[in-house]
């Protein structure tokens, strides 16, 4: 594993992912909206063995500040809740289902030979 960009690094699932990646020696670039929480995740990743850790507080809704990259890997973590409707968490399941369908549409629309689904 070379370099990994983690968006929303302060969420619970992203933190667990960062811990695993750091233990494998990955170089990490972490983003999040809360500076204090992001600093804690960054320091934890460095302690767990990440080859390199950098972080930036960023609001991903601010499109004017983002620059397109020529290459990279996009990893999206969804949930089985997107495939199954549950009465107890229907809003969460609906959001994950929408994410899954959106990514399928992106894969079809981009038609890149390097796209892996």
PDB file of N, CA and C in Angstrom:
ATOM      1  N   UNK A   1       0.845  -1.171   0.000  1.00  0.00           N
ATOM      2  CA  UNK A   1       0.000   0.000   0.000  1.00  0.00           C
ATOM      3  C   UNK A   1       0.893   1.238   0.000  1.00  0.00           C
ATOM      4  N   UNK A   2       0.612   2.147  -0.884  1.00  0.00           N
ATOM      5  CA  UNK A   2       1.473   3.310  -1.008  1.00  0.00           C
ATOM      6  C   UNK A   2       0.932   4.512  -0.246  1.00  0.00           C
ATOM      7  N   UNK A   3      -0.019   5.201  -0.834  1.00  0.00           N
ATOM      8  CA  UNK A   3      -0.562   6.418  -0.247  1.00  0.00           C
ATOM      9  C   UNK A   3      -2.071   6.316  -0.204  1.00  0.00           C
ATOM     10  N   UNK A   4      -2.656   6.792   0.893  1.00  0.00           N
ATOM     11  CA  UNK A   4      -4.107   6.715   1.050  1.00  0.00           C
ATOM     12  C   UNK A   4      -4.635   8.060   1.524  1.00  0.00           C
ATOM     13  N   UNK A   5      -5.632   8.556   0.815  1.00  0.00           N
ATOM     14  CA  UNK A   5      -6.363   9.754   1.207  1.00  0.00           C
ATOM     15  C   UNK A   5      -7.636   9.292   1.902  1.00  0.00           C
ATOM     16  N   UNK A   6      -7.870   9.780   3.113  1.00  0.00           N
ATOM     17  CA  UNK A   6      -9.070   9.414   3.861  1.00  0.00           C
ATOM     18  C   UNK A   6      -9.899  10.677   4.078  1.00  0.00           C
ATOM     19  N   UNK A   7     -11.077  10.689   3.470  1.00  0.00           N
ATOM     20  CA  UNK A   7     -11.997  11.813   3.641  1.00  0.00           C
ATOM     21  C   UNK A   7     -12.896  11.535   4.833  1.00  0.00           C
ATOM     22  N   UNK A   8     -13.138  12.540   5.640  1.00  0.00           N
ATOM     23  CA  UNK A   8     -13.983  12.335   6.818  1.00  0.00           C
ATOM     24  C   UNK A   8     -13.289  11.479   7.856  1.00  0.00           C
ATOM     25  N   UNK A   9     -12.027  11.740   8.091  1.00  0.00           N
ATOM     26  CA  UNK A   9     -11.185  10.884   8.926  1.00  0.00           C
ATOM     27  C   UNK A   9     -11.607  10.806  10.383  1.00  0.00           C
ATOM     28  N   UNK A  10     -12.469  11.697  10.822  1.00  0.00           N
ATOM     29  CA  UNK A  10     -12.845  11.701  12.230  1.00  0.00           C
ATOM     30  C   UNK A  10     -14.083  10.860  12.527  1.00  0.00           C
ATOM     31  N   UNK A  11     -14.717  10.303  11.502  1.00  0.00           N
ATOM     32  CA  UNK A  11     -15.859   9.418  11.758  1.00  0.00           C
ATOM     33  C   UNK A  11     -15.348   8.111  12.346  1.00  0.00           C
ATOM     34  N   UNK A  12     -16.208   7.392  13.021  1.00  0.00           N
ATOM     35  CA  UNK A  12     -15.797   6.155  13.691  1.00  0.00           C
ATOM     36  C   UNK A  12     -15.272   5.120  12.698  1.00  0.00           C
ATOM     37  N   UNK A  13     -15.961   4.929  11.590  1.00  0.00           N
ATOM     38  CA  UNK A  13     -15.520   3.916  10.626  1.00  0.00           C
ATOM     39  C   UNK A  13     -14.219   4.332   9.944  1.00  0.00           C
ATOM     40  N   UNK A  14     -14.049   5.616   9.695  1.00  0.00           N
ATOM     41  CA  UNK A  14     -12.798   6.085   9.098  1.00  0.00           C
ATOM     42  C   UNK A  14     -11.644   5.939  10.085  1.00  0.00           C
ATOM     43  N   UNK A  15     -11.887   6.219  11.360  1.00  0.00           N
ATOM     44  CA  UNK A  15     -10.832   6.059  12.361  1.00  0.00           C
ATOM     45  C   UNK A  15     -10.368   4.608  12.445  1.00  0.00           C
ATOM     46  N   UNK A  16     -11.311   3.676  12.404  1.00  0.00           N
ATOM     47  CA  UNK A  16     -10.943   2.254  12.434  1.00  0.00           C
ATOM     48  C   UNK A  16     -10.122   1.897  11.199  1.00  0.00           C
ATOM     49  N   UNK A  17     -10.494   2.437  10.056  1.00  0.00           N
ATOM     50  CA  UNK A  17      -9.762   2.189   8.813  1.00  0.00           C
ATOM     51  C   UNK A  17      -8.363   2.782   8.891  1.00  0.00           C
ATOM     52  N   UNK A  18      -8.260   3.986   9.422  1.00  0.00           N
ATOM     53  CA  UNK A  18      -6.959   4.649   9.569  1.00  0.00           C
ATOM     54  C   UNK A  18      -6.048   3.821  10.472  1.00  0.00           C
ATOM     55  N   UNK A  19      -6.587   3.271  11.547  1.00  0.00           N
ATOM     56  CA  UNK A  19      -5.778   2.439  12.447  1.00  0.00           C
ATOM     57  C   UNK A  19      -5.200   1.227  11.709  1.00  0.00           C
ATOM     58  N   UNK A  20      -6.037   0.570  10.912  1.00  0.00           N
ATOM     59  CA  UNK A  20      -5.574  -0.599  10.152  1.00  0.00           C
ATOM     60  C   UNK A  20      -4.510  -0.214   9.133  1.00  0.00           C
ATOM     61  N   UNK A  21      -4.755   0.872   8.411  1.00  0.00           N
ATOM     62  CA  UNK A  21      -3.801   1.321   7.395  1.00  0.00           C
ATOM     63  C   UNK A  21      -2.477   1.739   8.024  1.00  0.00           C
ATOM     64  N   UNK A  22      -2.558   2.429   9.146  1.00  0.00           N
ATOM     65  CA  UNK A  22      -1.339   2.868   9.836  1.00  0.00           C
ATOM     66  C   UNK A  22      -0.523   1.670  10.300  1.00  0.00           C
ATOM     67  N   UNK A  23      -1.193   0.654  10.822  1.00  0.00           N
ATOM     68  CA  UNK A  23      -0.492  -0.543  11.287  1.00  0.00           C
ATOM     69  C   UNK A  23       0.200  -1.271  10.139  1.00  0.00           C
ATOM     70  N   UNK A  24      -0.286  -1.083   8.928  1.00  0.00           N
ATOM     71  CA  UNK A  24       0.327  -1.698   7.743  1.00  0.00           C
ATOM     72  C   UNK A  24       1.402  -0.807   7.123  1.00  0.00           C
ATOM     73  N   UNK A  25       1.639   0.340   7.731  1.00  0.00           N
ATOM     74  CA  UNK A  25       2.710   1.210   7.272  1.00  0.00           C
ATOM     75  C   UNK A  25       2.365   2.117   6.105  1.00  0.00           C
ATOM     76  N   UNK A  26       1.101   2.351   5.880  1.00  0.00           N
ATOM     77  CA  UNK A  26       0.691   3.219   4.767  1.00  0.00           C
ATOM     78  C   UNK A  26       1.053   4.677   5.050  1.00  0.00           C
ATOM     79  N   UNK A  27       1.225   5.441   3.989  1.00  0.00           N
ATOM     80  CA  UNK A  27       1.337   6.899   4.088  1.00  0.00           C
ATOM     81  C   UNK A  27      -0.075   7.445   3.988  1.00  0.00           C
ATOM     82  N   UNK A  28      -0.464   8.272   4.938  1.00  0.00           N
ATOM     83  CA  UNK A  28      -1.849   8.718   5.032  1.00  0.00           C
ATOM     84  C   UNK A  28      -1.974  10.221   4.892  1.00  0.00           C
ATOM     85  N   UNK A  29      -3.000  10.636   4.178  1.00  0.00           N
ATOM     86  CA  UNK A  29      -3.398  12.038   4.127  1.00  0.00           C
ATOM     87  C   UNK A  29      -4.834  12.085   4.621  1.00  0.00           C
ATOM     88  N   UNK A  30      -5.035  12.688   5.779  1.00  0.00           N
ATOM     89  CA  UNK A  30      -6.322  12.673   6.455  1.00  0.00           C
ATOM     90  C   UNK A  30      -7.014  14.026   6.348  1.00  0.00           C
ATOM     91  N   UNK A  31      -8.317  14.002   6.147  1.00  0.00           N
ATOM     92  CA  UNK A  31      -9.096  15.235   6.132  1.00  0.00           C
ATOM     93  C   UNK A  31     -10.281  15.102   7.076  1.00  0.00           C
ATOM     94  N   UNK A  32     -10.719  16.239   7.556  1.00  0.00           N
ATOM     95  CA  UNK A  32     -11.893  16.291   8.419  1.00  0.00           C
ATOM     96  C   UNK A  32     -12.255  17.736   8.691  1.00  0.00           C
ATOM     97  N   UNK A  33     -13.439  17.945   9.230  1.00  0.00           N
ATOM     98  CA  UNK A  33     -13.900  19.307   9.494  1.00  0.00           C
ATOM     99  C   UNK A  33     -13.513  19.822  10.875  1.00  0.00           C
ATOM    100  N   UNK A  34     -13.329  18.931  11.839  1.00  0.00           N
ATOM    101  CA  UNK A  34     -13.046  19.330  13.214  1.00  0.00           C
ATOM    102  C   UNK A  34     -11.542  19.219  13.476  1.00  0.00           C
ATOM    103  N   UNK A  35     -10.898  20.354  13.696  1.00  0.00           N
ATOM    104  CA  UNK A  35      -9.439  20.389  13.835  1.00  0.00           C
ATOM    105  C   UNK A  35      -8.941  19.578  15.025  1.00  0.00           C
ATOM    106  N   UNK A  36      -9.584  19.691  16.167  1.00  0.00           N
ATOM    107  CA  UNK A  36      -9.127  18.973  17.360  1.00  0.00           C
ATOM    108  C   UNK A  36      -9.237  17.465  17.165  1.00  0.00           C
ATOM    109  N   UNK A  37     -10.355  17.005  16.645  1.00  0.00           N
ATOM    110  CA  UNK A  37     -10.531  15.565  16.407  1.00  0.00           C
ATOM    111  C   UNK A  37      -9.561  15.054  15.343  1.00  0.00           C
ATOM    112  N   UNK A  38      -9.353  15.863  14.305  1.00  0.00           N
ATOM    113  CA  UNK A  38      -8.433  15.474  13.238  1.00  0.00           C
ATOM    114  C   UNK A  38      -7.003  15.364  13.764  1.00  0.00           C
ATOM    115  N   UNK A  39      -6.608  16.280  14.624  1.00  0.00           N
ATOM    116  CA  UNK A  39      -5.275  16.213  15.229  1.00  0.00           C
ATOM    117  C   UNK A  39      -5.102  14.924  16.032  1.00  0.00           C
ATOM    118  N   UNK A  40      -6.144  14.540  16.769  1.00  0.00           N
ATOM    119  CA  UNK A  40      -6.077  13.313  17.570  1.00  0.00           C
ATOM    120  C   UNK A  40      -5.925  12.079  16.682  1.00  0.00           C
ATOM    121  N   UNK A  41      -6.679  12.018  15.584  1.00  0.00           N
ATOM    122  CA  UNK A  41      -6.594  10.888  14.663  1.00  0.00           C
ATOM    123  C   UNK A  41      -5.219  10.860  13.997  1.00  0.00           C
ATOM    124  N   UNK A  42      -4.698  12.023  13.646  1.00  0.00           N
ATOM    125  CA  UNK A  42      -3.389  12.127  13.002  1.00  0.00           C
ATOM    126  C   UNK A  42      -2.288  11.621  13.930  1.00  0.00           C
ATOM    127  N   UNK A  43      -2.318  12.056  15.179  1.00  0.00           N
ATOM    128  CA  UNK A  43      -1.305  11.621  16.145  1.00  0.00           C
ATOM    129  C   UNK A  43      -1.417  10.119  16.415  1.00  0.00           C
ATOM    130  N   UNK A  44      -2.635   9.610  16.483  1.00  0.00           N
ATOM    131  CA  UNK A  44      -2.841   8.182  16.705  1.00  0.00           C
ATOM    132  C   UNK A  44      -2.267   7.367  15.548  1.00  0.00           C
ATOM    133  N   UNK A  45      -2.498   7.818  14.314  1.00  0.00           N
ATOM    134  CA  UNK A  45      -1.983   7.104  13.139  1.00  0.00           C
ATOM    135  C   UNK A  45      -0.456   7.068  13.142  1.00  0.00           C
ATOM    136  N   UNK A  46       0.162   8.169  13.516  1.00  0.00           N
ATOM    137  CA  UNK A  46       1.627   8.219  13.573  1.00  0.00           C
ATOM    138  C   UNK A  46       2.145   7.245  14.625  1.00  0.00           C
ATOM    139  N   UNK A  47       1.461   7.179  15.744  1.00  0.00           N
ATOM    140  CA  UNK A  47       1.858   6.275  16.826  1.00  0.00           C
ATOM    141  C   UNK A  47       1.709   4.817  16.420  1.00  0.00           C
ATOM    142  N   UNK A  48       0.727   4.518  15.581  1.00  0.00           N
ATOM    143  CA  UNK A  48       0.452   3.130  15.178  1.00  0.00           C
ATOM    144  C   UNK A  48       1.326   2.640  14.025  1.00  0.00           C
ATOM    145  N   UNK A  49       2.206   3.504  13.508  1.00  0.00           N
ATOM    146  CA  UNK A  49       3.176   3.019  12.536  1.00  0.00           C
ATOM    147  C   UNK A  49       3.016   3.485  11.106  1.00  0.00           C
ATOM    148  N   UNK A  50       2.181   4.471  10.856  1.00  0.00           N
ATOM    149  CA  UNK A  50       2.056   4.989   9.490  1.00  0.00           C
ATOM    150  C   UNK A  50       3.410   5.513   9.021  1.00  0.00           C
ATOM    151  N   UNK A  51       3.751   5.234   7.758  1.00  0.00           N
ATOM    152  CA  UNK A  51       5.024   5.697   7.202  1.00  0.00           C
ATOM    153  C   UNK A  51       5.099   7.218   7.215  1.00  0.00           C
ATOM    154  N   UNK A  52       3.984   7.854   6.928  1.00  0.00           N
ATOM    155  CA  UNK A  52       3.897   9.315   6.911  1.00  0.00           C
ATOM    156  C   UNK A  52       2.434   9.674   7.137  1.00  0.00           C
ATOM    157  N   UNK A  53       2.204  10.743   7.892  1.00  0.00           N
ATOM    158  CA  UNK A  53       0.832  11.192   8.126  1.00  0.00           C
ATOM    159  C   UNK A  53       0.784  12.700   7.960  1.00  0.00           C
ATOM    160  N   UNK A  54      -0.118  13.142   7.119  1.00  0.00           N
ATOM    161  CA  UNK A  54      -0.395  14.566   6.963  1.00  0.00           C
ATOM    162  C   UNK A  54      -1.905  14.735   7.075  1.00  0.00           C
ATOM    163  N   UNK A  55      -2.322  15.912   7.484  1.00  0.00           N
ATOM    164  CA  UNK A  55      -3.759  16.139   7.609  1.00  0.00           C
ATOM    165  C   UNK A  55      -4.096  17.577   7.250  1.00  0.00           C
ATOM    166  N   UNK A  56      -5.360  17.770   6.922  1.00  0.00           N
ATOM    167  CA  UNK A  56      -5.841  19.108   6.580  1.00  0.00           C
ATOM    168  C   UNK A  56      -7.306  19.211   6.959  1.00  0.00           C
ATOM    169  N   UNK A  57      -7.634  20.284   7.647  1.00  0.00           N
ATOM    170  CA  UNK A  57      -9.033  20.585   7.929  1.00  0.00           C
ATOM    171  C   UNK A  57      -9.639  21.098   6.637  1.00  0.00           C
ATOM    172  N   UNK A  58     -10.725  20.466   6.205  1.00  0.00           N
ATOM    173  CA  UNK A  58     -11.332  20.836   4.933  1.00  0.00           C
ATOM    174  C   UNK A  58     -12.831  20.598   4.977  1.00  0.00           C
ATOM    175  N   UNK A  59     -13.553  21.485   4.336  1.00  0.00           N
ATOM    176  CA  UNK A  59     -14.995  21.318   4.147  1.00  0.00           C
ATOM    177  C   UNK A  59     -15.199  20.862   2.712  1.00  0.00           C
ATOM    178  N   UNK A  60     -15.584  19.619   2.542  1.00  0.00           N
ATOM    179  CA  UNK A  60     -15.701  19.056   1.200  1.00  0.00           C
ATOM    180  C   UNK A  60     -16.857  19.642   0.402  1.00  0.00           C
ATOM    181  N   UNK A  61     -17.699  20.429   1.041  1.00  0.00           N
ATOM    182  CA  UNK A  61     -18.778  21.106   0.322  1.00  0.00           C
ATOM    183  C   UNK A  61     -18.303  22.377  -0.365  1.00  0.00           C
ATOM    184  N   UNK A  62     -17.074  22.810  -0.085  1.00  0.00           N
ATOM    185  CA  UNK A  62     -16.520  24.026  -0.673  1.00  0.00           C
ATOM    186  C   UNK A  62     -15.760  23.658  -1.951  1.00  0.00           C
ATOM    187  N   UNK A  63     -16.480  23.530  -3.061  1.00  0.00           N
ATOM    188  CA  UNK A  63     -15.904  23.060  -4.315  1.00  0.00           C
ATOM    189  C   UNK A  63     -14.869  24.019  -4.902  1.00  0.00           C
ATOM    190  N   UNK A  64     -14.948  25.299  -4.574  1.00  0.00           N
ATOM    191  CA  UNK A  64     -14.015  26.265  -5.144  1.00  0.00           C
ATOM    192  C   UNK A  64     -12.571  26.037  -4.701  1.00  0.00           C
ATOM    193  N   UNK A  65     -12.388  25.368  -3.569  1.00  0.00           N
ATOM    194  CA  UNK A  65     -11.030  25.185  -3.051  1.00  0.00           C
ATOM    195  C   UNK A  65     -10.387  23.871  -3.469  1.00  0.00           C
ATOM    196  N   UNK A  66     -11.125  23.010  -4.143  1.00  0.00           N
ATOM    197  CA  UNK A  66     -10.594  21.693  -4.510  1.00  0.00           C
ATOM    198  C   UNK A  66      -9.952  21.721  -5.897  1.00  0.00           C
ATOM    199  N   UNK A  67      -8.873  21.010  -6.017  1.00  0.00           N
ATOM    200  CA  UNK A  67      -8.211  20.875  -7.311  1.00  0.00           C
ATOM    201  C   UNK A  67      -8.274  19.413  -7.741  1.00  0.00           C
ATOM    202  N   UNK A  68      -8.511  19.189  -9.034  1.00  0.00           N
ATOM    203  CA  UNK A  68      -8.586  17.820  -9.556  1.00  0.00           C
ATOM    204  C   UNK A  68      -7.198  17.197  -9.619  1.00  0.00           C
ATOM    205  N   UNK A  69      -7.132  15.923  -9.328  1.00  0.00           N
ATOM    206  CA  UNK A  69      -5.887  15.166  -9.417  1.00  0.00           C
ATOM    207  C   UNK A  69      -5.903  14.344 -10.701  1.00  0.00           C
ATOM    208  N   UNK A  70      -4.738  14.068 -11.242  1.00  0.00           N
ATOM    209  CA  UNK A  70      -4.624  13.304 -12.482  1.00  0.00           C
ATOM    210  C   UNK A  70      -4.806  11.808 -12.258  1.00  0.00           C
ATOM    211  N   UNK A  71      -4.474  11.304 -11.064  1.00  0.00           N
ATOM    212  CA  UNK A  71      -4.581   9.869 -10.796  1.00  0.00           C
ATOM    213  C   UNK A  71      -4.762   9.650  -9.316  1.00  0.00           C
ATOM    214  N   UNK A  72      -5.242   8.486  -8.961  1.00  0.00           N
ATOM    215  CA  UNK A  72      -5.417   8.162  -7.556  1.00  0.00           C
ATOM    216  C   UNK A  72      -6.426   7.060  -7.377  1.00  0.00           C
ATOM    217  N   UNK A  73      -6.766   6.806  -6.146  1.00  0.00           N
ATOM    218  CA  UNK A  73      -7.725   5.760  -5.815  1.00  0.00           C
ATOM    219  C   UNK A  73      -8.823   6.357  -4.957  1.00  0.00           C
ATOM    220  N   UNK A  74     -10.037   6.092  -5.334  1.00  0.00           N
ATOM    221  CA  UNK A  74     -11.188   6.517  -4.554  1.00  0.00           C
ATOM    222  C   UNK A  74     -11.758   5.287  -3.867  1.00  0.00           C
ATOM    223  N   UNK A  75     -11.791   5.305  -2.545  1.00  0.00           N
ATOM    224  CA  UNK A  75     -12.340   4.195  -1.776  1.00  0.00           C
ATOM    225  C   UNK A  75     -13.550   4.716  -1.032  1.00  0.00           C
ATOM    226  N   UNK A  76     -14.666   4.062  -1.219  1.00  0.00           N
ATOM    227  CA  UNK A  76     -15.900   4.463  -0.551  1.00  0.00           C
ATOM    228  C   UNK A  76     -16.387   3.288   0.280  1.00  0.00           C
ATOM    229  N   UNK A  77     -16.635   3.548   1.549  1.00  0.00           N
ATOM    230  CA  UNK A  77     -17.148   2.510   2.431  1.00  0.00           C
ATOM    231  C   UNK A  77     -18.635   2.742   2.617  1.00  0.00           C
ATOM    232  N   UNK A  78     -19.402   1.766   2.254  1.00  0.00           N
ATOM    233  CA  UNK A  78     -20.848   1.843   2.417  1.00  0.00           C
ATOM    234  C   UNK A  78     -21.255   0.844   3.488  1.00  0.00           C
ATOM    235  N   UNK A  79     -22.431   0.274   3.353  1.00  0.00           N
ATOM    236  CA  UNK A  79     -22.925  -0.644   4.367  1.00  0.00           C
ATOM    237  C   UNK A  79     -23.929  -1.591   3.748  1.00  0.00           C
ATOM    238  N   UNK A  80     -24.034  -2.770   4.329  1.00  0.00           N
ATOM    239  CA  UNK A  80     -25.053  -3.722   3.896  1.00  0.00           C
ATOM    240  C   UNK A  80     -26.451  -3.144   4.133  1.00  0.00           C
ATOM    241  N   UNK A  81     -26.540  -2.131   4.969  1.00  0.00           N
ATOM    242  CA  UNK A  81     -27.828  -1.483   5.213  1.00  0.00           C
ATOM    243  C   UNK A  81     -28.392  -0.861   3.934  1.00  0.00           C
ATOM    244  N   UNK A  82     -27.527  -0.579   2.974  1.00  0.00           N
ATOM    245  CA  UNK A  82     -27.983  -0.045   1.699  1.00  0.00           C
ATOM    246  C   UNK A  82     -28.669  -1.075   0.826  1.00  0.00           C
ATOM    247  N   UNK A  83     -28.500  -2.346   1.160  1.00  0.00           N
ATOM    248  CA  UNK A  83     -29.116  -3.427   0.396  1.00  0.00           C
ATOM    249  C   UNK A  83     -30.371  -3.979   1.057  1.00  0.00           C
ATOM    250  N   UNK A  84     -30.598  -3.617   2.296  1.00  0.00           N
ATOM    251  CA  UNK A  84     -31.719  -4.169   3.051  1.00  0.00           C
ATOM    252  C   UNK A  84     -32.473  -3.050   3.757  1.00  0.00           C
ATOM    253  N   UNK A  85     -33.769  -3.025   3.590  1.00  0.00           N
ATOM    254  CA  UNK A  85     -34.574  -2.036   4.295  1.00  0.00           C
ATOM    255  C   UNK A  85     -34.890  -2.507   5.706  1.00  0.00           C
ATOM    256  N   UNK A  86     -34.602  -1.690   6.680  1.00  0.00           N
ATOM    257  CA  UNK A  86     -34.884  -2.017   8.081  1.00  0.00           C
ATOM    258  C   UNK A  86     -35.739  -0.911   8.682  1.00  0.00           C
ATOM    259  N   UNK A  87     -36.727  -1.300   9.384  1.00  0.00           N
ATOM    260  CA  UNK A  87     -37.624  -0.318   9.987  1.00  0.00           C
ATOM    261  C   UNK A  87     -36.887   0.553  11.010  1.00  0.00           C
ATOM    262  N   UNK A  88     -35.954  -0.042  11.726  1.00  0.00           N
ATOM    263  CA  UNK A  88     -35.290   0.688  12.807  1.00  0.00           C
ATOM    264  C   UNK A  88     -34.293   1.739  12.316  1.00  0.00           C
ATOM    265  N   UNK A  89     -33.759   1.572  11.116  1.00  0.00           N
ATOM    266  CA  UNK A  89     -32.785   2.556  10.621  1.00  0.00           C
ATOM    267  C   UNK A  89     -32.989   2.828   9.130  1.00  0.00           C
ATOM    268  N   UNK A  90     -34.202   3.106   8.755  1.00  0.00           N
ATOM    269  CA  UNK A  90     -34.525   3.278   7.333  1.00  0.00           C
ATOM    270  C   UNK A  90     -33.849   4.490   6.708  1.00  0.00           C
ATOM    271  N   UNK A  91     -33.613   5.553   7.465  1.00  0.00           N
ATOM    272  CA  UNK A  91     -32.952   6.733   6.898  1.00  0.00           C
ATOM    273  C   UNK A  91     -31.489   6.408   6.579  1.00  0.00           C
ATOM    274  N   UNK A  92     -30.810   5.743   7.491  1.00  0.00           N
ATOM    275  CA  UNK A  92     -29.425   5.336   7.267  1.00  0.00           C
ATOM    276  C   UNK A  92     -29.342   4.393   6.066  1.00  0.00           C
ATOM    277  N   UNK A  93     -30.226   3.399   6.025  1.00  0.00           N
ATOM    278  CA  UNK A  93     -30.239   2.451   4.913  1.00  0.00           C
ATOM    279  C   UNK A  93     -30.502   3.131   3.582  1.00  0.00           C
ATOM    280  N   UNK A  94     -31.413   4.091   3.586  1.00  0.00           N
ATOM    281  CA  UNK A  94     -31.722   4.813   2.353  1.00  0.00           C
ATOM    282  C   UNK A  94     -30.513   5.625   1.877  1.00  0.00           C
ATOM    283  N   UNK A  95     -29.787   6.234   2.808  1.00  0.00           N
ATOM    284  CA  UNK A  95     -28.617   7.023   2.412  1.00  0.00           C
ATOM    285  C   UNK A  95     -27.520   6.128   1.848  1.00  0.00           C
ATOM    286  N   UNK A  96     -27.328   4.954   2.433  1.00  0.00           N
ATOM    287  CA  UNK A  96     -26.317   4.028   1.923  1.00  0.00           C
ATOM    288  C   UNK A  96     -26.756   3.438   0.580  1.00  0.00           C
ATOM    289  N   UNK A  97     -28.042   3.166   0.419  1.00  0.00           N
ATOM    290  CA  UNK A  97     -28.546   2.681  -0.868  1.00  0.00           C
ATOM    291  C   UNK A  97     -28.338   3.719  -1.955  1.00  0.00           C
ATOM    292  N   UNK A  98     -28.598   4.990  -1.633  1.00  0.00           N
ATOM    293  CA  UNK A  98     -28.393   6.067  -2.603  1.00  0.00           C
ATOM    294  C   UNK A  98     -26.911   6.173  -2.973  1.00  0.00           C
ATOM    295  N   UNK A  99     -26.034   6.034  -1.991  1.00  0.00           N
ATOM    296  CA  UNK A  99     -24.597   6.085  -2.263  1.00  0.00           C
ATOM    297  C   UNK A  99     -24.192   4.954  -3.207  1.00  0.00           C
ATOM    298  N   UNK A 100     -24.688   3.753  -2.947  1.00  0.00           N
ATOM    299  CA  UNK A 100     -24.347   2.607  -3.796  1.00  0.00           C
ATOM    300  C   UNK A 100     -24.784   2.825  -5.244  1.00  0.00           C
ATOM    301  N   UNK A 101     -26.003   3.302  -5.433  1.00  0.00           N
ATOM    302  CA  UNK A 101     -26.513   3.526  -6.788  1.00  0.00           C
ATOM    303  C   UNK A 101     -25.761   4.675  -7.457  1.00  0.00           C
ATOM    304  N   UNK A 102     -25.438   5.718  -6.705  1.00  0.00           N
ATOM    305  CA  UNK A 102     -24.670   6.834  -7.252  1.00  0.00           C
ATOM    306  C   UNK A 102     -23.308   6.348  -7.769  1.00  0.00           C
ATOM    307  N   UNK A 103     -22.636   5.509  -6.991  1.00  0.00           N
ATOM    308  CA  UNK A 103     -21.328   5.005  -7.407  1.00  0.00           C
ATOM    309  C   UNK A 103     -21.429   4.103  -8.628  1.00  0.00           C
ATOM    310  N   UNK A 104     -22.499   3.321  -8.709  1.00  0.00           N
ATOM    311  CA  UNK A 104     -22.709   2.506  -9.907  1.00  0.00           C
ATOM    312  C   UNK A 104     -22.890   3.396 -11.134  1.00  0.00           C
ATOM    313  N   UNK A 105     -23.626   4.479 -10.984  1.00  0.00           N
ATOM    314  CA  UNK A 105     -23.828   5.417 -12.089  1.00  0.00           C
ATOM    315  C   UNK A 105     -22.505   6.080 -12.482  1.00  0.00           C
ATOM    316  N   UNK A 106     -21.687   6.426 -11.492  1.00  0.00           N
ATOM    317  CA  UNK A 106     -20.377   7.018 -11.786  1.00  0.00           C
ATOM    318  C   UNK A 106     -19.509   6.043 -12.566  1.00  0.00           C
ATOM    319  N   UNK A 107     -19.521   4.788 -12.148  1.00  0.00           N
ATOM    320  CA  UNK A 107     -18.718   3.775 -12.836  1.00  0.00           C
ATOM    321  C   UNK A 107     -19.152   3.644 -14.289  1.00  0.00           C
ATOM    322  N   UNK A 108     -20.442   3.688 -14.520  1.00  0.00           N
ATOM    323  CA  UNK A 108     -20.966   3.599 -15.882  1.00  0.00           C
ATOM    324  C   UNK A 108     -20.630   4.856 -16.671  1.00  0.00           C
ATOM    325  N   UNK A 109     -20.792   6.001 -16.044  1.00  0.00           N
ATOM    326  CA  UNK A 109     -20.562   7.275 -16.728  1.00  0.00           C
ATOM    327  C   UNK A 109     -19.106   7.545 -17.030  1.00  0.00           C
ATOM    328  N   UNK A 110     -18.225   7.176 -16.126  1.00  0.00           N
ATOM    329  CA  UNK A 110     -16.813   7.459 -16.334  1.00  0.00           C
ATOM    330  C   UNK A 110     -16.185   6.508 -17.330  1.00  0.00           C
ATOM    331  N   UNK A 111     -16.595   5.265 -17.334  1.00  0.00           N
ATOM    332  CA  UNK A 111     -16.100   4.244 -18.261  1.00  0.00           C
ATOM    333  C   UNK A 111     -14.582   4.274 -18.424  1.00  0.00           C
ATOM    334  N   UNK A 112     -13.912   4.447 -17.340  1.00  0.00           N
ATOM    335  CA  UNK A 112     -12.454   4.470 -17.377  1.00  0.00           C
ATOM    336  C   UNK A 112     -11.915   3.042 -17.378  1.00  0.00           C
ATOM    337  N   UNK A 113     -10.872   2.773 -18.169  1.00  0.00           N
ATOM    338  CA  UNK A 113     -10.306   1.422 -18.162  1.00  0.00           C
ATOM    339  C   UNK A 113      -9.641   1.076 -16.824  1.00  0.00           C
ATOM    340  N   UNK A 114      -9.370   2.090 -16.005  1.00  0.00           N
ATOM    341  CA  UNK A 114      -8.734   1.823 -14.724  1.00  0.00           C
ATOM    342  C   UNK A 114      -9.745   1.747 -13.580  1.00  0.00           C
ATOM    343  N   UNK A 115     -11.022   1.962 -13.879  1.00  0.00           N
ATOM    344  CA  UNK A 115     -12.060   1.914 -12.845  1.00  0.00           C
ATOM    345  C   UNK A 115     -12.268   0.484 -12.381  1.00  0.00           C
ATOM    346  N   UNK A 116     -12.218   0.263 -11.088  1.00  0.00           N
ATOM    347  CA  UNK A 116     -12.483  -1.065 -10.532  1.00  0.00           C
ATOM    348  C   UNK A 116     -13.704  -0.979  -9.645  1.00  0.00           C
ATOM    349  N   UNK A 117     -14.635  -1.874  -9.834  1.00  0.00           N
ATOM    350  CA  UNK A 117     -15.861  -1.892  -9.044  1.00  0.00           C
ATOM    351  C   UNK A 117     -15.888  -3.080  -8.148  1.00  0.00           C
TER     352      UNK A 117
END
